Amino acid sequence: MIYSVKVPGKIIVSGEHSVVYNKPALAMAVNRYTVAESKSIISKRIEFEFSDLVTGSSLSYDIDEIHQIIDCTNNRYQEFIDKKIAVSSVLPETLQLFPYACGLLLKKYGMTMKHGVSIKIETTIPIGCGMGSSASVSLGVLQAFSVQLNVTPDHSELFQLALQCEHLKHGQSSGLDPFVCLHGGLVKYTKNDQKKLAMPNMEFFLVFTGKPQSSTGQCVMSVREKVKNQLVWDQIENITETMMTVMTENDVSGFASTIRENHRLLCDIGVVPDRVQSFIREIEHIGGAAKISGAGSVSGDSAGIVMVVGKKDLKRLCKKYNYALLPIKGDNDGLRCC
């Protein structure tokens, strides 16, 4: 049996970084997708084909290799927790995240493999740019693999498994990415409480400034070391609450105003590179508003995704900075069969 699952990406509208300190974030699933297609195979191996993540890449593991990846990765993660290695050293090979996810599922259900599974993965989500690519792919792999094992983890179980994968990528994930990719919609998120809100009817745009030099985990650690005044998290929380109101009311002017305030605070904590700040200044000069969506970067010139309100001269500015303009819509459904 061939099975396909579709999982959206996400953007953070407000609250990046502050969500790590248990402040609310506002995030939205968007119509950039991972599609994972699985089928059973005769050999007792787990095979992966990554047609978009790494062009032409395929990997294959037997059950012993899967267990070895689990053990070695867990050991490195403990070394990170003990502050012996950097978060970037937990997964020396990013693609090992996905056999790790399969191993978690086998371990959870105490299963051995009666047959092998082949999983083909395609994604239109920009990788490593704050749009939830790792969470989306992990969820797709977990769901596609579980069907071939004839097990049925519910959404809560899928979330917990994907969260373990996210910890490996980001150090100590808030859980926002897997939750929003799994459930879809516009979500007010804290670690202890999640609320799905009505999808707004407002036009905004995403601009891809290039892949950040810093990973999400590196940005989080840098901000933790740099920012000692906790007042900034309260200020971002107030902006997030206001933003929920103006989005619910489809108040474009109020939305733009809160975007500008949010941008200033993100600059203050040091995650908006100078070149991206220059781009946003030009957006504001012609009456628009913009901010990074995601962790940003603490090094280099790129910051991943920038969310923009106002399309006046946007194509011209993107061309000037050699940035890509991404058409985007909200996704209200989250993970589903396709």
C-alpha atoms as a PDB file:
ATOM      1  CA  MET A   1       0.000   0.000   0.000  1.00  0.00           C
ATOM      2  CA  ILE A   2       1.272   3.451  -0.929  1.00  0.00           C
ATOM      3  CA  TYR A   3       0.392   6.185   1.576  1.00  0.00           C
ATOM      4  CA  SER A   4       0.941   9.952   1.240  1.00  0.00           C
ATOM      5  CA  VAL A   5       0.754  12.642   3.899  1.00  0.00           C
ATOM      6  CA  LYS A   6       0.933  16.413   3.496  1.00  0.00           C
ATOM      7  CA  VAL A   7       2.216  18.762   6.243  1.00  0.00           C
ATOM      8  CA  PRO A   8       2.359  22.587   6.017  1.00  0.00           C
ATOM      9  CA  GLY A   9       5.169  24.871   7.034  1.00  0.00           C
ATOM     10  CA  LYS A  10       4.666  27.819   9.345  1.00  0.00           C
ATOM     11  CA  ILE A  11       5.620  31.418  10.030  1.00  0.00           C
ATOM     12  CA  ILE A  12       5.877  33.228  13.350  1.00  0.00           C
ATOM     13  CA  VAL A  13       3.840  36.414  13.253  1.00  0.00           C
ATOM     14  CA  SER A  14       5.023  37.592  16.689  1.00  0.00           C
ATOM     15  CA  GLY A  15       6.870  36.179  19.662  1.00  0.00           C
ATOM     16  CA  GLU A  16       9.983  34.543  18.186  1.00  0.00           C
ATOM     17  CA  HIS A  17      12.548  34.074  20.958  1.00  0.00           C
ATOM     18  CA  SER A  18      10.148  35.228  23.706  1.00  0.00           C
ATOM     19  CA  VAL A  19       8.239  31.927  23.373  1.00  0.00           C
ATOM     20  CA  VAL A  20      11.365  30.202  24.758  1.00  0.00           C
ATOM     21  CA  TYR A  21      10.727  32.132  28.003  1.00  0.00           C
ATOM     22  CA  ASN A  22       7.103  30.922  28.165  1.00  0.00           C
ATOM     23  CA  LYS A  23       5.675  34.085  26.671  1.00  0.00           C
ATOM     24  CA  PRO A  24       2.968  33.697  24.006  1.00  0.00           C
ATOM     25  CA  ALA A  25       3.810  33.544  20.332  1.00  0.00           C
ATOM     26  CA  LEU A  26       1.449  34.012  17.417  1.00  0.00           C
ATOM     27  CA  ALA A  27       2.131  31.644  14.541  1.00  0.00           C
ATOM     28  CA  MET A  28       0.364  30.562  11.378  1.00  0.00           C
ATOM     29  CA  ALA A  29       0.549  27.485   9.172  1.00  0.00           C
ATOM     30  CA  VAL A  30       1.122  28.399   5.523  1.00  0.00           C
ATOM     31  CA  ASN A  31       0.769  26.786   2.119  1.00  0.00           C
ATOM     32  CA  ARG A  32       4.323  25.555   1.726  1.00  0.00           C
ATOM     33  CA  TYR A  33       4.296  21.791   2.194  1.00  0.00           C
ATOM     34  CA  THR A  34       6.171  18.607   2.901  1.00  0.00           C
ATOM     35  CA  VAL A  35       4.757  15.528   1.166  1.00  0.00           C
ATOM     36  CA  ALA A  36       5.939  12.151   2.500  1.00  0.00           C
ATOM     37  CA  GLU A  37       5.014   9.029   0.545  1.00  0.00           C
ATOM     38  CA  SER A  38       5.616   5.596   2.050  1.00  0.00           C
ATOM     39  CA  LYS A  39       5.324   2.008   0.886  1.00  0.00           C
ATOM     40  CA  SER A  40       6.377  -1.382   2.210  1.00  0.00           C
ATOM     41  CA  ILE A  41       9.376  -3.140   0.632  1.00  0.00           C
ATOM     42  CA  ILE A  42      10.703  -6.689   0.884  1.00  0.00           C
ATOM     43  CA  SER A  43      14.090  -5.940   2.449  1.00  0.00           C
ATOM     44  CA  LYS A  44      14.016  -5.190   6.171  1.00  0.00           C
ATOM     45  CA  ARG A  45      15.476  -1.715   5.727  1.00  0.00           C
ATOM     46  CA  ILE A  46      14.219   1.856   6.004  1.00  0.00           C
ATOM     47  CA  GLU A  47      14.971   3.737   2.793  1.00  0.00           C
ATOM     48  CA  PHE A  48      14.693   7.486   2.276  1.00  0.00           C
ATOM     49  CA  GLU A  49      14.590   9.440  -0.954  1.00  0.00           C
ATOM     50  CA  PHE A  50      15.001  13.194  -0.585  1.00  0.00           C
ATOM     51  CA  SER A  51      14.024  14.727  -3.897  1.00  0.00           C
ATOM     52  CA  ASP A  52      14.071  18.338  -2.659  1.00  0.00           C
ATOM     53  CA  LEU A  53      15.984  18.408   0.625  1.00  0.00           C
ATOM     54  CA  VAL A  54      19.173  17.224  -1.021  1.00  0.00           C
ATOM     55  CA  THR A  55      18.987  16.803  -4.781  1.00  0.00           C
ATOM     56  CA  GLY A  56      19.370  13.179  -5.766  1.00  0.00           C
ATOM     57  CA  SER A  57      20.038  12.005  -2.229  1.00  0.00           C
ATOM     58  CA  SER A  58      18.917   8.626  -0.911  1.00  0.00           C
ATOM     59  CA  LEU A  59      19.768   6.797   2.298  1.00  0.00           C
ATOM     60  CA  SER A  60      19.146   3.281   3.581  1.00  0.00           C
ATOM     61  CA  TYR A  61      19.420   1.796   7.086  1.00  0.00           C
ATOM     62  CA  ASP A  62      18.929  -1.579   8.703  1.00  0.00           C
ATOM     63  CA  ILE A  63      17.430  -1.852  12.174  1.00  0.00           C
ATOM     64  CA  ASP A  64      20.816  -2.061  13.909  1.00  0.00           C
ATOM     65  CA  GLU A  65      21.950   1.151  12.222  1.00  0.00           C
ATOM     66  CA  ILE A  66      18.734   2.870  13.311  1.00  0.00           C
ATOM     67  CA  HIS A  67      19.342   1.865  16.943  1.00  0.00           C
ATOM     68  CA  GLN A  68      22.941   3.065  16.679  1.00  0.00           C
ATOM     69  CA  ILE A  69      21.784   6.463  15.387  1.00  0.00           C
ATOM     70  CA  ILE A  70      19.329   6.715  18.309  1.00  0.00           C
ATOM     71  CA  ASP A  71      21.972   5.849  20.925  1.00  0.00           C
ATOM     72  CA  CYS A  72      24.737   8.061  19.515  1.00  0.00           C
ATOM     73  CA  THR A  73      22.423  11.020  18.972  1.00  0.00           C
ATOM     74  CA  ASN A  74      20.947  10.761  22.464  1.00  0.00           C
ATOM     75  CA  ASN A  75      24.458  10.661  23.910  1.00  0.00           C
ATOM     76  CA  ARG A  76      25.452  13.796  22.006  1.00  0.00           C
ATOM     77  CA  TYR A  77      22.265  15.544  23.090  1.00  0.00           C
ATOM     78  CA  GLN A  78      23.097  14.775  26.714  1.00  0.00           C
ATOM     79  CA  GLU A  79      26.547  16.260  26.126  1.00  0.00           C
ATOM     80  CA  PHE A  80      24.829  19.403  24.852  1.00  0.00           C
ATOM     81  CA  ILE A  81      22.620  19.521  27.959  1.00  0.00           C
ATOM     82  CA  ASP A  82      25.785  19.134  30.063  1.00  0.00           C
ATOM     83  CA  LYS A  83      27.304  22.076  28.119  1.00  0.00           C
ATOM     84  CA  LYS A  84      30.122  19.938  26.723  1.00  0.00           C
ATOM     85  CA  ILE A  85      29.289  20.505  23.031  1.00  0.00           C
ATOM     86  CA  ALA A  86      27.401  23.061  20.944  1.00  0.00           C
ATOM     87  CA  VAL A  87      23.882  22.330  19.700  1.00  0.00           C
ATOM     88  CA  SER A  88      25.238  22.278  16.139  1.00  0.00           C
ATOM     89  CA  SER A  89      27.242  19.144  17.065  1.00  0.00           C
ATOM     90  CA  VAL A  90      24.216  17.110  18.178  1.00  0.00           C
ATOM     91  CA  LEU A  91      23.294  16.196  14.584  1.00  0.00           C
ATOM     92  CA  PRO A  92      26.501  16.160  12.521  1.00  0.00           C
ATOM     93  CA  GLU A  93      24.408  15.014   9.545  1.00  0.00           C
ATOM     94  CA  THR A  94      21.035  16.791   9.380  1.00  0.00           C
ATOM     95  CA  LEU A  95      19.388  14.002   7.399  1.00  0.00           C
ATOM     96  CA  GLN A  96      19.959  11.608  10.319  1.00  0.00           C
ATOM     97  CA  LEU A  97      17.036  13.362  11.986  1.00  0.00           C
ATOM     98  CA  PHE A  98      14.622  11.278   9.916  1.00  0.00           C
ATOM     99  CA  PRO A  99      15.932   7.752  10.640  1.00  0.00           C
ATOM    100  CA  TYR A 100      16.055   8.983  14.239  1.00  0.00           C
ATOM    101  CA  ALA A 101      12.328   9.784  14.005  1.00  0.00           C
ATOM    102  CA  CYS A 102      11.604   6.285  12.674  1.00  0.00           C
ATOM    103  CA  GLY A 103      13.648   4.792  15.493  1.00  0.00           C
ATOM    104  CA  LEU A 104      11.609   6.724  18.061  1.00  0.00           C
ATOM    105  CA  LEU A 105       8.422   5.256  16.633  1.00  0.00           C
ATOM    106  CA  LEU A 106       9.792   1.696  16.700  1.00  0.00           C
ATOM    107  CA  LYS A 107      10.957   2.199  20.274  1.00  0.00           C
ATOM    108  CA  LYS A 108       7.635   3.671  21.418  1.00  0.00           C
ATOM    109  CA  TYR A 109       5.692   0.645  20.212  1.00  0.00           C
ATOM    110  CA  GLY A 110       8.383  -1.931  21.060  1.00  0.00           C
ATOM    111  CA  MET A 111       8.330  -3.191  17.493  1.00  0.00           C
ATOM    112  CA  THR A 112      10.617  -5.139  15.231  1.00  0.00           C
ATOM    113  CA  MET A 113      10.246  -4.768  11.479  1.00  0.00           C
ATOM    114  CA  LYS A 114       8.482  -7.568   9.585  1.00  0.00           C
ATOM    115  CA  HIS A 115       9.221  -5.770   6.313  1.00  0.00           C
ATOM    116  CA  GLY A 116      11.069  -2.710   5.152  1.00  0.00           C
ATOM    117  CA  VAL A 117       9.673   0.742   4.407  1.00  0.00           C
ATOM    118  CA  SER A 118      10.555   3.213   1.677  1.00  0.00           C
ATOM    119  CA  ILE A 119       9.793   6.901   2.301  1.00  0.00           C
ATOM    120  CA  LYS A 120      10.002   9.555  -0.409  1.00  0.00           C
ATOM    121  CA  ILE A 121      10.146  13.142   0.851  1.00  0.00           C
ATOM    122  CA  GLU A 122       9.467  16.310  -1.120  1.00  0.00           C
ATOM    123  CA  THR A 123       9.168  19.807   0.319  1.00  0.00           C
ATOM    124  CA  THR A 124       8.516  23.327  -0.925  1.00  0.00           C
ATOM    125  CA  ILE A 125       9.439  24.816   2.459  1.00  0.00           C
ATOM    126  CA  PRO A 126      12.735  26.766   2.438  1.00  0.00           C
ATOM    127  CA  ILE A 127      15.221  24.811   4.564  1.00  0.00           C
ATOM    128  CA  GLY A 128      16.702  26.358   7.710  1.00  0.00           C
ATOM    129  CA  CYS A 129      14.880  29.672   7.287  1.00  0.00           C
ATOM    130  CA  GLY A 130      12.353  29.792  10.123  1.00  0.00           C
ATOM    131  CA  MET A 131       9.409  28.191   8.324  1.00  0.00           C
ATOM    132  CA  GLY A 132       9.309  24.931  10.274  1.00  0.00           C
ATOM    133  CA  SER A 133      10.917  22.695   7.647  1.00  0.00           C
ATOM    134  CA  SER A 134      12.418  20.209  10.124  1.00  0.00           C
ATOM    135  CA  ALA A 135       9.168  19.920  12.097  1.00  0.00           C
ATOM    136  CA  SER A 136       7.101  19.522   8.930  1.00  0.00           C
ATOM    137  CA  VAL A 137       9.376  16.809   7.509  1.00  0.00           C
ATOM    138  CA  SER A 138       9.651  14.991  10.858  1.00  0.00           C
ATOM    139  CA  LEU A 139       5.869  14.886  11.189  1.00  0.00           C
ATOM    140  CA  GLY A 140       5.515  13.668   7.607  1.00  0.00           C
ATOM    141  CA  VAL A 141       8.066  10.896   8.162  1.00  0.00           C
ATOM    142  CA  LEU A 142       6.491   9.834  11.466  1.00  0.00           C
ATOM    143  CA  GLN A 143       2.981   9.648  10.017  1.00  0.00           C
ATOM    144  CA  ALA A 144       4.033   7.937   6.775  1.00  0.00           C
ATOM    145  CA  PHE A 145       6.166   5.384   8.648  1.00  0.00           C
ATOM    146  CA  SER A 146       3.487   4.658  11.256  1.00  0.00           C
ATOM    147  CA  VAL A 147       0.954   3.703   8.571  1.00  0.00           C
ATOM    148  CA  GLN A 148       3.308   1.084   7.133  1.00  0.00           C
ATOM    149  CA  LEU A 149       3.861  -0.301  10.660  1.00  0.00           C
ATOM    150  CA  ASN A 150       0.072  -0.457  11.135  1.00  0.00           C
ATOM    151  CA  VAL A 151       0.166   1.731  14.247  1.00  0.00           C
ATOM    152  CA  THR A 152      -1.931   4.833  14.815  1.00  0.00           C
ATOM    153  CA  PRO A 153      -0.335   7.483  17.048  1.00  0.00           C
ATOM    154  CA  ASP A 154      -2.797  10.277  17.783  1.00  0.00           C
ATOM    155  CA  HIS A 155      -1.959  13.965  17.353  1.00  0.00           C
ATOM    156  CA  SER A 156      -0.686  14.269  20.915  1.00  0.00           C
ATOM    157  CA  GLU A 157       1.703  11.336  20.429  1.00  0.00           C
ATOM    158  CA  LEU A 158       2.888  12.608  17.044  1.00  0.00           C
ATOM    159  CA  PHE A 159       3.565  16.000  18.614  1.00  0.00           C
ATOM    160  CA  GLN A 160       5.677  14.503  21.415  1.00  0.00           C
ATOM    161  CA  LEU A 161       7.727  12.430  18.961  1.00  0.00           C
ATOM    162  CA  ALA A 162       8.287  15.411  16.648  1.00  0.00           C
ATOM    163  CA  LEU A 163       9.204  17.550  19.658  1.00  0.00           C
ATOM    164  CA  GLN A 164      12.000  15.114  20.563  1.00  0.00           C
ATOM    165  CA  CYS A 165      13.319  15.540  17.022  1.00  0.00           C
ATOM    166  CA  GLU A 166      13.100  19.332  17.295  1.00  0.00           C
ATOM    167  CA  HIS A 167      15.159  19.320  20.498  1.00  0.00           C
ATOM    168  CA  LEU A 168      18.026  17.800  18.523  1.00  0.00           C
ATOM    169  CA  LYS A 169      17.909  20.640  15.999  1.00  0.00           C
ATOM    170  CA  HIS A 170      17.271  23.574  18.282  1.00  0.00           C
ATOM    171  CA  GLY A 171      18.566  22.550  21.712  1.00  0.00           C
ATOM    172  CA  GLN A 172      15.376  22.956  23.741  1.00  0.00           C
ATOM    173  CA  SER A 173      12.475  23.576  21.389  1.00  0.00           C
ATOM    174  CA  SER A 174       9.382  25.391  22.624  1.00  0.00           C
ATOM    175  CA  GLY A 175       7.283  22.977  20.564  1.00  0.00           C
ATOM    176  CA  LEU A 176       5.718  25.762  18.514  1.00  0.00           C
ATOM    177  CA  ASP A 177       6.834  24.473  15.109  1.00  0.00           C
ATOM    178  CA  PRO A 178       5.537  20.890  15.387  1.00  0.00           C
ATOM    179  CA  PHE A 179       2.284  22.052  17.011  1.00  0.00           C
ATOM    180  CA  VAL A 180       1.421  24.585  14.300  1.00  0.00           C
ATOM    181  CA  CYS A 181       2.506  22.320  11.428  1.00  0.00           C
ATOM    182  CA  LEU A 182       0.454  19.465  12.915  1.00  0.00           C
ATOM    183  CA  HIS A 183      -2.748  21.377  13.658  1.00  0.00           C
ATOM    184  CA  GLY A 184      -2.668  24.186  11.076  1.00  0.00           C
ATOM    185  CA  GLY A 185      -4.368  27.562  11.406  1.00  0.00           C
ATOM    186  CA  LEU A 186      -3.461  30.703  13.326  1.00  0.00           C
ATOM    187  CA  VAL A 187      -2.314  29.685  16.803  1.00  0.00           C
ATOM    188  CA  LYS A 188      -1.585  31.501  20.056  1.00  0.00           C
ATOM    189  CA  TYR A 189       1.108  29.322  21.563  1.00  0.00           C
ATOM    190  CA  THR A 190       2.869  28.889  24.883  1.00  0.00           C
ATOM    191  CA  LYS A 191       4.463  25.692  26.158  1.00  0.00           C
ATOM    192  CA  ASN A 192       1.546  25.136  28.520  1.00  0.00           C
ATOM    193  CA  ASP A 193      -1.386  26.444  26.503  1.00  0.00           C
ATOM    194  CA  GLN A 194      -2.356  26.535  22.835  1.00  0.00           C
ATOM    195  CA  LYS A 195      -5.358  28.206  21.246  1.00  0.00           C
ATOM    196  CA  LYS A 196      -6.389  28.059  17.595  1.00  0.00           C
ATOM    197  CA  LEU A 197      -7.763  31.391  16.353  1.00  0.00           C
ATOM    198  CA  ALA A 198      -9.793  32.475  13.340  1.00  0.00           C
ATOM    199  CA  MET A 199      -7.658  32.849  10.223  1.00  0.00           C
ATOM    200  CA  PRO A 200      -7.281  36.554   9.326  1.00  0.00           C
ATOM    201  CA  ASN A 201      -8.348  38.019   5.992  1.00  0.00           C
ATOM    202  CA  MET A 202      -5.374  40.308   5.426  1.00  0.00           C
ATOM    203  CA  GLU A 203      -2.803  40.482   2.665  1.00  0.00           C
ATOM    204  CA  PHE A 204       0.871  40.217   3.549  1.00  0.00           C
ATOM    205  CA  PHE A 205       3.961  38.886   1.851  1.00  0.00           C
ATOM    206  CA  LEU A 206       7.019  36.809   2.628  1.00  0.00           C
ATOM    207  CA  VAL A 207      10.477  37.745   1.425  1.00  0.00           C
ATOM    208  CA  PHE A 208      13.333  35.253   1.466  1.00  0.00           C
ATOM    209  CA  THR A 209      16.579  37.052   2.375  1.00  0.00           C
ATOM    210  CA  GLY A 210      18.722  33.912   2.146  1.00  0.00           C
ATOM    211  CA  LYS A 211      19.534  31.084   4.518  1.00  0.00           C
ATOM    212  CA  PRO A 212      20.822  32.398   7.868  1.00  0.00           C
ATOM    213  CA  GLN A 213      24.417  31.601   8.817  1.00  0.00           C
ATOM    214  CA  SER A 214      23.235  30.903  12.371  1.00  0.00           C
ATOM    215  CA  SER A 215      20.936  28.002  13.226  1.00  0.00           C
ATOM    216  CA  THR A 216      17.846  28.530  15.379  1.00  0.00           C
ATOM    217  CA  GLY A 217      19.629  26.829  18.288  1.00  0.00           C
ATOM    218  CA  GLN A 218      22.666  29.086  17.942  1.00  0.00           C
ATOM    219  CA  CYS A 219      20.444  32.192  17.853  1.00  0.00           C
ATOM    220  CA  VAL A 220      18.535  31.096  20.947  1.00  0.00           C
ATOM    221  CA  MET A 221      21.763  30.467  22.867  1.00  0.00           C
ATOM    222  CA  SER A 222      23.239  33.804  21.768  1.00  0.00           C
ATOM    223  CA  VAL A 223      20.143  35.734  22.847  1.00  0.00           C
ATOM    224  CA  ARG A 224      20.111  33.917  26.187  1.00  0.00           C
ATOM    225  CA  GLU A 225      23.698  35.018  26.836  1.00  0.00           C
ATOM    226  CA  LYS A 226      23.196  38.582  25.593  1.00  0.00           C
ATOM    227  CA  VAL A 227      19.791  39.601  26.950  1.00  0.00           C
ATOM    228  CA  LYS A 228      19.799  39.973  30.733  1.00  0.00           C
ATOM    229  CA  ASN A 229      16.900  42.433  31.036  1.00  0.00           C
ATOM    230  CA  GLN A 230      13.724  40.345  31.041  1.00  0.00           C
ATOM    231  CA  LEU A 231      11.602  43.457  30.357  1.00  0.00           C
ATOM    232  CA  VAL A 232      12.021  42.929  26.624  1.00  0.00           C
ATOM    233  CA  TRP A 233      10.020  39.675  26.809  1.00  0.00           C
ATOM    234  CA  ASP A 234       7.160  41.508  28.526  1.00  0.00           C
ATOM    235  CA  GLN A 235       7.243  44.151  25.778  1.00  0.00           C
ATOM    236  CA  ILE A 236       7.089  41.513  23.058  1.00  0.00           C
ATOM    237  CA  GLU A 237       4.245  39.776  24.917  1.00  0.00           C
ATOM    238  CA  ASN A 238       2.244  43.028  24.892  1.00  0.00           C
ATOM    239  CA  ILE A 239       2.845  43.386  21.153  1.00  0.00           C
ATOM    240  CA  THR A 240       1.756  39.786  20.555  1.00  0.00           C
ATOM    241  CA  GLU A 241      -1.492  40.328  22.459  1.00  0.00           C
ATOM    242  CA  THR A 242      -2.204  43.519  20.505  1.00  0.00           C
ATOM    243  CA  MET A 243      -1.407  41.777  17.252  1.00  0.00           C
ATOM    244  CA  MET A 244      -3.958  39.047  17.978  1.00  0.00           C
ATOM    245  CA  THR A 245      -6.621  41.703  18.401  1.00  0.00           C
ATOM    246  CA  VAL A 246      -5.815  43.638  15.232  1.00  0.00           C
ATOM    247  CA  MET A 247      -5.579  40.449  13.166  1.00  0.00           C
ATOM    248  CA  THR A 248      -8.929  39.226  14.471  1.00  0.00           C
ATOM    249  CA  GLU A 249     -10.417  42.591  13.472  1.00  0.00           C
ATOM    250  CA  ASN A 250      -8.561  42.593  10.119  1.00  0.00           C
ATOM    251  CA  ASP A 251      -7.097  45.982  11.081  1.00  0.00           C
ATOM    252  CA  VAL A 252      -4.293  46.393   8.520  1.00  0.00           C
ATOM    253  CA  SER A 253      -3.080  49.735   9.913  1.00  0.00           C
ATOM    254  CA  GLY A 254      -2.889  48.353  13.463  1.00  0.00           C
ATOM    255  CA  PHE A 255      -1.177  45.228  12.179  1.00  0.00           C
ATOM    256  CA  ALA A 256       1.499  47.296  10.426  1.00  0.00           C
ATOM    257  CA  SER A 257       2.073  49.374  13.560  1.00  0.00           C
ATOM    258  CA  THR A 258       2.653  46.310  15.742  1.00  0.00           C
ATOM    259  CA  ILE A 259       4.953  44.816  13.078  1.00  0.00           C
ATOM    260  CA  ARG A 260       7.142  47.947  13.286  1.00  0.00           C
ATOM    261  CA  GLU A 261       7.287  47.808  17.100  1.00  0.00           C
ATOM    262  CA  ASN A 262       8.148  44.121  17.001  1.00  0.00           C
ATOM    263  CA  HIS A 263      10.951  44.763  14.512  1.00  0.00           C
ATOM    264  CA  ARG A 264      12.587  47.337  16.807  1.00  0.00           C
ATOM    265  CA  LEU A 265      12.696  44.868  19.691  1.00  0.00           C
ATOM    266  CA  LEU A 266      14.115  42.092  17.500  1.00  0.00           C
ATOM    267  CA  CYS A 267      16.875  44.499  16.467  1.00  0.00           C
ATOM    268  CA  ASP A 268      17.528  45.233  20.138  1.00  0.00           C
ATOM    269  CA  ILE A 269      18.126  41.563  20.953  1.00  0.00           C
ATOM    270  CA  GLY A 270      20.573  41.280  18.060  1.00  0.00           C
ATOM    271  CA  VAL A 271      18.943  38.848  15.612  1.00  0.00           C
ATOM    272  CA  VAL A 272      18.365  41.141  12.594  1.00  0.00           C
ATOM    273  CA  PRO A 273      21.477  41.487  10.367  1.00  0.00           C
ATOM    274  CA  ASP A 274      22.391  45.001   9.194  1.00  0.00           C
ATOM    275  CA  ARG A 275      21.543  44.327   5.544  1.00  0.00           C
ATOM    276  CA  VAL A 276      18.073  43.074   6.462  1.00  0.00           C
ATOM    277  CA  GLN A 277      17.577  46.123   8.701  1.00  0.00           C
ATOM    278  CA  SER A 278      18.426  48.325   5.701  1.00  0.00           C
ATOM    279  CA  PHE A 279      15.814  46.519   3.572  1.00  0.00           C
ATOM    280  CA  ILE A 280      13.175  46.966   6.276  1.00  0.00           C
ATOM    281  CA  ARG A 281      14.024  50.679   6.632  1.00  0.00           C
ATOM    282  CA  GLU A 282      13.286  51.118   2.927  1.00  0.00           C
ATOM    283  CA  ILE A 283       9.990  49.244   3.333  1.00  0.00           C
ATOM    284  CA  GLU A 284       9.026  51.571   6.191  1.00  0.00           C
ATOM    285  CA  HIS A 285      10.120  54.666   4.237  1.00  0.00           C
ATOM    286  CA  ILE A 286       7.452  53.953   1.596  1.00  0.00           C
ATOM    287  CA  GLY A 287       4.742  53.316   4.197  1.00  0.00           C
ATOM    288  CA  GLY A 288       5.022  49.569   4.736  1.00  0.00           C
ATOM    289  CA  ALA A 289       6.104  47.455   7.673  1.00  0.00           C
ATOM    290  CA  ALA A 290       8.264  44.360   7.993  1.00  0.00           C
ATOM    291  CA  LYS A 291       9.973  42.058  10.479  1.00  0.00           C
ATOM    292  CA  ILE A 292      11.835  38.792  10.471  1.00  0.00           C
ATOM    293  CA  SER A 293       9.721  35.674  10.969  1.00  0.00           C
ATOM    294  CA  GLY A 294      11.757  33.104  12.854  1.00  0.00           C
ATOM    295  CA  ALA A 295      14.986  33.106  14.799  1.00  0.00           C
ATOM    296  CA  GLY A 296      16.804  35.511  12.466  1.00  0.00           C
ATOM    297  CA  SER A 297      20.599  35.335  12.577  1.00  0.00           C
ATOM    298  CA  VAL A 298      23.430  36.491  14.823  1.00  0.00           C
ATOM    299  CA  SER A 299      25.993  36.371  12.006  1.00  0.00           C
ATOM    300  CA  GLY A 300      26.145  37.059   8.267  1.00  0.00           C
ATOM    301  CA  ASP A 301      23.819  39.154   6.104  1.00  0.00           C
ATOM    302  CA  SER A 302      20.773  36.874   5.742  1.00  0.00           C
ATOM    303  CA  ALA A 303      17.907  36.281   8.171  1.00  0.00           C
ATOM    304  CA  GLY A 304      15.690  33.742   6.429  1.00  0.00           C
ATOM    305  CA  ILE A 305      12.113  34.970   6.069  1.00  0.00           C
ATOM    306  CA  VAL A 306      10.870  38.547   6.410  1.00  0.00           C
ATOM    307  CA  MET A 307       7.135  39.196   6.693  1.00  0.00           C
ATOM    308  CA  VAL A 308       5.994  42.364   4.877  1.00  0.00           C
ATOM    309  CA  VAL A 309       2.780  44.400   5.089  1.00  0.00           C
ATOM    310  CA  GLY A 310       2.268  46.635   2.056  1.00  0.00           C
ATOM    311  CA  LYS A 311       3.195  45.744  -1.522  1.00  0.00           C
ATOM    312  CA  LYS A 312       4.151  49.211  -2.826  1.00  0.00           C
ATOM    313  CA  ASP A 313       7.520  48.949  -4.618  1.00  0.00           C
ATOM    314  CA  LEU A 314       8.088  45.554  -2.987  1.00  0.00           C
ATOM    315  CA  LYS A 315       9.138  43.834  -6.203  1.00  0.00           C
ATOM    316  CA  ARG A 316      11.612  46.646  -6.941  1.00  0.00           C
ATOM    317  CA  LEU A 317      13.143  46.440  -3.459  1.00  0.00           C
ATOM    318  CA  CYS A 318      13.414  42.660  -3.612  1.00  0.00           C
ATOM    319  CA  LYS A 319      15.220  42.978  -6.931  1.00  0.00           C
ATOM    320  CA  LYS A 320      17.548  45.633  -5.488  1.00  0.00           C
ATOM    321  CA  TYR A 321      18.541  43.364  -2.587  1.00  0.00           C
ATOM    322  CA  ASN A 322      18.409  40.166  -4.638  1.00  0.00           C
ATOM    323  CA  TYR A 323      15.715  38.751  -2.344  1.00  0.00           C
ATOM    324  CA  ALA A 324      12.980  36.329  -3.419  1.00  0.00           C
ATOM    325  CA  LEU A 325       9.300  37.254  -3.037  1.00  0.00           C
ATOM    326  CA  LEU A 326       7.239  34.238  -1.934  1.00  0.00           C
ATOM    327  CA  PRO A 327       3.469  34.037  -2.576  1.00  0.00           C
ATOM    328  CA  ILE A 328       1.790  32.762   0.571  1.00  0.00           C
ATOM    329  CA  LYS A 329      -1.592  31.872   2.050  1.00  0.00           C
ATOM    330  CA  GLY A 330      -2.651  30.458   5.397  1.00  0.00           C
ATOM    331  CA  ASP A 331      -3.321  26.741   5.857  1.00  0.00           C
ATOM    332  CA  ASN A 332      -6.093  25.862   8.268  1.00  0.00           C
ATOM    333  CA  ASP A 333      -5.886  22.045   8.114  1.00  0.00           C
ATOM    334  CA  GLY A 334      -2.402  20.988   9.233  1.00  0.00           C
ATOM    335  CA  LEU A 335      -1.280  17.386   8.686  1.00  0.00           C
ATOM    336  CA  ARG A 336      -3.581  15.319   6.443  1.00  0.00           C
ATOM    337  CA  CYS A 337      -3.624  12.485   3.953  1.00  0.00           C
ATOM    338  CA  CYS A 338      -3.243  13.432   0.315  1.00  0.00           C
END
